[in-house]
Amino acid sequence: ECVTQGKIRYIGISNETPWGMMSFIHHAQRLGLPKIQSIQNPYNLLNRSFEIGCAEISQREQVGLLAYSPLGFGVLTGKYLHNAKPAGARLSLFERFNRYTNAIALEATQAYVQLAQRHQLDPAQMALAYVNSRDFLTSTLIGATDLQQLQTDIDSINLKLPAEILEKIEAIHTRYPNPCP
């Protein structure tokens, strides 16, 4: 009713599984309801679990991903490596958010940061450019705690990763598959 009345334009879901996505799609079709248009799930170099089932459904059913946590709470910038706790940073302020700081995640992060540095890339921009390059992506939900981070994040849209770097990212992912699902 709210869609028909124009109060709601589009319907989206969040933190869903492939089965959940298909259930929403199936029930909307069966009941003559509006189809979901988007799914908001985490997606980043440390958590590519969306690729396991959800990405195919996303593409085939035209349900775009709104990727959240594309920098894994800032971990993929490299600022937390070597037990660093930058003042004012999210994980310094809120230690309970430890999804992206397990030992394997930090090893993978070190590999991604080193890859970026070897190619004179900002690690945050490389991580965001990877997310932005996915066919199933509709939007990347970035977060920043200051204007410099925001500018870095925004500028990542202009970075197109060459095949050589994409291959090296895949090699790291093969070594450390989804350490933070």
Foldseek 3Di string as FASTA:
>chain_A
DCCVVVVDVAAEEEPDDLVVLVVQQVVCVVVVHDHHQEYEYADWLQANVCVVRVLVCLVVVNHAYAHECLCVQVVLQVCCAPNHQDPPRPCNVPVVSCLQPDPLSNVLSVQLCVLQVVVVHRRLLVGLLVVVPDPRHDHYDDDDDDPVVVVSNVVSVVDHDDPVSVVSSVVSCVVRPNSRD
